[in-house]
Amino acid sequence: MSKPGAIRPEIRYILYFAVFWAVLIGVVTYLFDRVDARNNNPNQQLVSHVRGGATEIELKANRQGHYLVDGSINNHSVTFILDTGATTVSISESVAQKAGLTRGRPGVAQTAAGKVKVWSTIIPELRLGDMRFTNVPGTISPAMDPDMVLLGMSVLSQLNFTQQSGVLTLSRETQ
C-alpha cells in the first residue's frame, strides 16, 4: 500500500513524460522563432565599414525580397523597411510616441492601400549603424502597423545604392 499523499509510479511516469515533451516543445519553438526572425530580418547585427572616405552598410534581402535594417529614432530602437516609393520616413503612431515625436500639420498620403491621414513631423536624430541623420522630414501614420517604420527618400536620397546578388550596399560620404 502507498503512503498517503504519494504519487503512484505510473502517474509519476506520465507527469515526467508530459514535462519532458512540454520542455522539448518550448525549446524547439524558441529556436524556430529565432531562425524565423533572422530570416525575416537578416540585418539585425548591422556593421558599418569605412571605405574610400565613405561609410558603407551591406544589407541582405529577406525571404520576401525586402530590405530591413535595424536602427534608431531618437535612441529608440526600430526596424526600418527600405521603401524608395515613400517620399519621407513614415512612422506608426506607436513608434512616434515611443520615440518622442510630435505631430505637425495634418495631411493625406497616397499609399498602396489608398489615401490615409498623416501628420508631418521632424525626426531630430535617425541612425543606421554609424550613419547619423538629423532633422529628417517624416510623417506619422496612425493607419500603419504598430511597429512599422518605412525608410523613405528623405533619408535614402542622401545615400548611394548599389545592388548585386541579393546584397544592397548603402554608402554615404563621411562627413
Protein backbone atom coordinates (compact mmCIF):
# COMPACT_ATOMS: atom_id res chain seq x y z
CA MET A 1 0.00 0.00 0.00
CA SER A 2 1.21 3.51 -0.88
CA LYS A 3 1.90 6.21 1.61
CA PRO A 4 -0.86 8.82 1.89
CA GLY A 5 -0.18 11.70 -0.48
CA ALA A 6 2.40 9.75 -2.50
CA ILE A 7 2.10 9.69 -6.29
CA ARG A 8 1.73 6.26 -7.83
CA PRO A 9 4.68 5.25 -10.10
CA GLU A 10 2.58 5.15 -13.29
CA ILE A 11 1.23 8.65 -12.61
CA ARG A 12 4.77 9.89 -11.88
CA TYR A 13 5.93 8.40 -15.21
CA ILE A 14 3.10 10.19 -17.08
CA LEU A 15 3.99 13.50 -15.37
CA TYR A 16 7.70 13.14 -16.25
CA PHE A 17 6.71 12.30 -19.82
CA ALA A 18 4.43 15.37 -20.06
CA VAL A 19 7.05 17.69 -18.58
CA PHE A 20 9.73 16.32 -20.94
CA TRP A 21 7.55 16.97 -24.00
CA ALA A 22 6.46 20.41 -22.80
CA VAL A 23 10.09 21.46 -22.30
CA LEU A 24 11.12 19.98 -25.65
CA ILE A 25 8.31 21.76 -27.50
CA GLY A 26 9.21 25.02 -25.73
CA VAL A 27 12.88 24.77 -26.73
CA VAL A 28 12.05 23.87 -30.35
CA THR A 29 9.55 26.75 -30.57
CA TYR A 30 12.15 29.18 -29.20
CA LEU A 31 14.78 28.02 -31.70
CA PHE A 32 12.41 28.17 -34.69
CA ASP A 33 11.26 31.64 -33.62
CA ARG A 34 14.87 32.86 -33.62
CA VAL A 35 15.50 31.34 -37.07
CA ASP A 36 12.29 32.91 -38.40
CA ALA A 37 13.25 36.33 -37.01
CA ARG A 38 16.68 36.04 -38.65
CA ASN A 39 15.07 35.09 -41.98
CA ASN A 40 12.60 37.99 -41.74
CA ASN A 41 15.37 40.49 -40.94
CA PRO A 42 18.82 39.15 -41.83
CA ASN A 43 20.31 42.57 -40.97
CA GLN A 44 19.83 42.54 -37.20
CA GLN A 45 23.56 42.87 -36.47
CA LEU A 46 24.32 45.89 -38.64
CA VAL A 47 28.01 46.52 -39.33
CA SER A 48 29.28 49.73 -40.91
CA HIS A 49 32.53 49.89 -42.87
CA VAL A 50 34.54 52.92 -43.93
CA ARG A 51 35.91 52.56 -47.47
CA GLY A 52 37.47 55.31 -49.52
CA GLY A 53 36.04 58.18 -47.49
CA ALA A 54 32.51 56.71 -47.37
CA THR A 55 30.64 54.80 -44.70
CA GLU A 56 29.01 51.64 -46.11
CA ILE A 57 26.36 49.27 -44.89
CA GLU A 58 25.63 46.00 -46.66
CA LEU A 59 22.10 44.64 -46.41
CA LYS A 60 20.80 41.22 -47.38
CA ALA A 61 17.28 40.83 -48.74
CA ASN A 62 14.87 38.79 -46.62
CA ARG A 63 12.89 35.83 -47.99
CA GLN A 64 10.28 38.17 -49.48
CA GLY A 65 12.99 40.24 -51.24
CA HIS A 66 12.60 43.22 -48.90
CA TYR A 67 15.45 45.02 -47.22
CA LEU A 68 15.01 45.52 -43.49
CA VAL A 69 17.56 47.14 -41.23
CA ASP A 70 17.74 47.79 -37.51
CA GLY A 71 18.44 51.36 -36.47
CA SER A 72 17.10 54.02 -34.14
CA ILE A 73 14.98 57.15 -33.99
CA ASN A 74 15.92 59.43 -31.10
CA ASN A 75 17.73 56.49 -29.45
CA HIS A 76 14.60 54.30 -29.69
CA SER A 77 15.43 51.03 -31.48
CA VAL A 78 13.36 50.35 -34.60
CA THR A 79 13.41 48.12 -37.65
CA PHE A 80 13.23 50.07 -40.90
CA ILE A 81 11.78 48.74 -44.15
CA LEU A 82 13.54 50.43 -47.06
CA ASP A 83 10.91 51.98 -49.33
CA THR A 84 12.02 54.04 -52.31
CA GLY A 85 8.34 54.74 -53.04
CA ALA A 86 7.91 56.63 -49.76
CA THR A 87 8.68 60.35 -50.00
CA THR A 88 9.60 60.65 -46.33
CA VAL A 89 10.29 58.37 -43.38
CA SER A 90 6.84 57.12 -42.41
CA ILE A 91 6.33 56.12 -38.78
CA SER A 92 3.48 54.41 -36.99
CA GLU A 93 1.72 56.30 -34.20
CA SER A 94 3.06 53.80 -31.65
CA VAL A 95 6.72 54.22 -32.67
CA ALA A 96 6.31 58.00 -32.91
CA GLN A 97 5.08 58.15 -29.30
CA LYS A 98 7.91 55.90 -28.04
CA ALA A 99 10.49 58.00 -29.92
CA GLY A 100 9.08 61.26 -28.56
CA LEU A 101 8.00 62.67 -31.93
CA THR A 102 5.28 65.30 -32.12
CA ARG A 103 2.55 65.70 -34.69
CA GLY A 104 2.83 68.67 -37.02
CA ARG A 105 0.45 69.66 -39.79
CA PRO A 106 -2.20 67.15 -40.83
CA GLY A 107 -2.23 65.86 -44.37
CA VAL A 108 -3.24 62.99 -46.63
CA ALA A 109 -0.84 60.43 -48.12
CA GLN A 110 -1.47 58.13 -51.06
CA THR A 111 -0.42 54.57 -50.19
CA ALA A 112 -0.80 51.21 -51.87
CA ALA A 113 -3.88 50.73 -49.68
CA GLY A 114 -5.38 54.09 -50.65
CA LYS A 115 -5.44 57.52 -49.05
CA VAL A 116 -4.63 57.81 -45.33
CA LYS A 117 -4.50 60.70 -42.90
CA VAL A 118 -0.97 61.56 -41.70
CA TRP A 119 0.79 64.26 -39.69
CA SER A 120 4.12 65.81 -40.58
CA THR A 121 6.98 65.54 -38.11
CA ILE A 122 10.69 66.26 -37.91
CA ILE A 123 12.92 63.47 -36.64
CA PRO A 124 15.73 65.07 -34.62
CA GLU A 125 18.04 62.03 -34.96
CA LEU A 126 17.89 58.87 -37.05
CA ARG A 127 20.68 56.28 -37.08
CA LEU A 128 21.62 53.40 -39.36
CA GLY A 129 24.77 51.81 -37.98
CA ASP A 130 27.41 54.57 -37.94
CA MET A 131 25.34 56.80 -40.23
CA ARG A 132 23.59 59.65 -38.44
CA PHE A 133 20.89 61.85 -39.94
CA THR A 134 19.43 64.92 -38.24
CA ASN A 135 16.22 66.91 -38.67
CA VAL A 136 14.75 64.37 -41.08
CA PRO A 137 11.29 65.12 -42.53
CA GLY A 138 8.80 62.38 -41.73
CA THR A 139 5.15 61.53 -41.38
CA ILE A 140 3.24 59.90 -38.55
CA SER A 141 0.64 57.48 -39.84
CA PRO A 142 -1.89 56.02 -37.38
CA ALA A 143 -3.03 53.55 -40.07
CA MET A 144 0.34 51.73 -40.09
CA ASP A 145 1.13 48.53 -38.17
CA PRO A 146 2.27 49.46 -34.63
CA ASP A 147 5.99 48.64 -35.05
CA MET A 148 6.38 49.70 -38.68
CA VAL A 149 8.79 52.35 -39.94
CA LEU A 150 9.30 52.95 -43.67
CA LEU A 151 12.69 54.41 -44.50
CA GLY A 152 11.74 56.73 -47.33
CA MET A 153 13.52 59.10 -49.67
CA SER A 154 14.01 61.85 -47.07
CA VAL A 155 16.90 59.62 -45.88
CA LEU A 156 17.54 57.37 -48.89
CA SER A 157 18.17 60.35 -51.20
CA GLN A 158 21.22 61.16 -49.04
CA LEU A 159 22.74 57.73 -49.81
CA ASN A 160 24.26 55.98 -52.78
CA PHE A 161 22.94 52.49 -53.52
CA THR A 162 24.32 49.51 -55.36
CA GLN A 163 22.64 46.13 -55.56
CA GLN A 164 24.34 42.90 -56.53
CA SER A 165 23.48 39.23 -55.86
CA GLY A 166 20.80 39.99 -53.26
CA VAL A 167 23.02 42.44 -51.35
CA LEU A 168 22.19 46.14 -51.22
CA THR A 169 25.09 48.41 -50.33
CA LEU A 170 24.21 51.82 -48.90
CA SER A 171 27.03 54.34 -48.79
CA ARG A 172 27.39 57.91 -47.62
CA GLU A 173 30.35 60.20 -47.88
CA THR A 174 32.00 60.58 -44.47
CA GLN A 175 31.22 63.99 -43.08
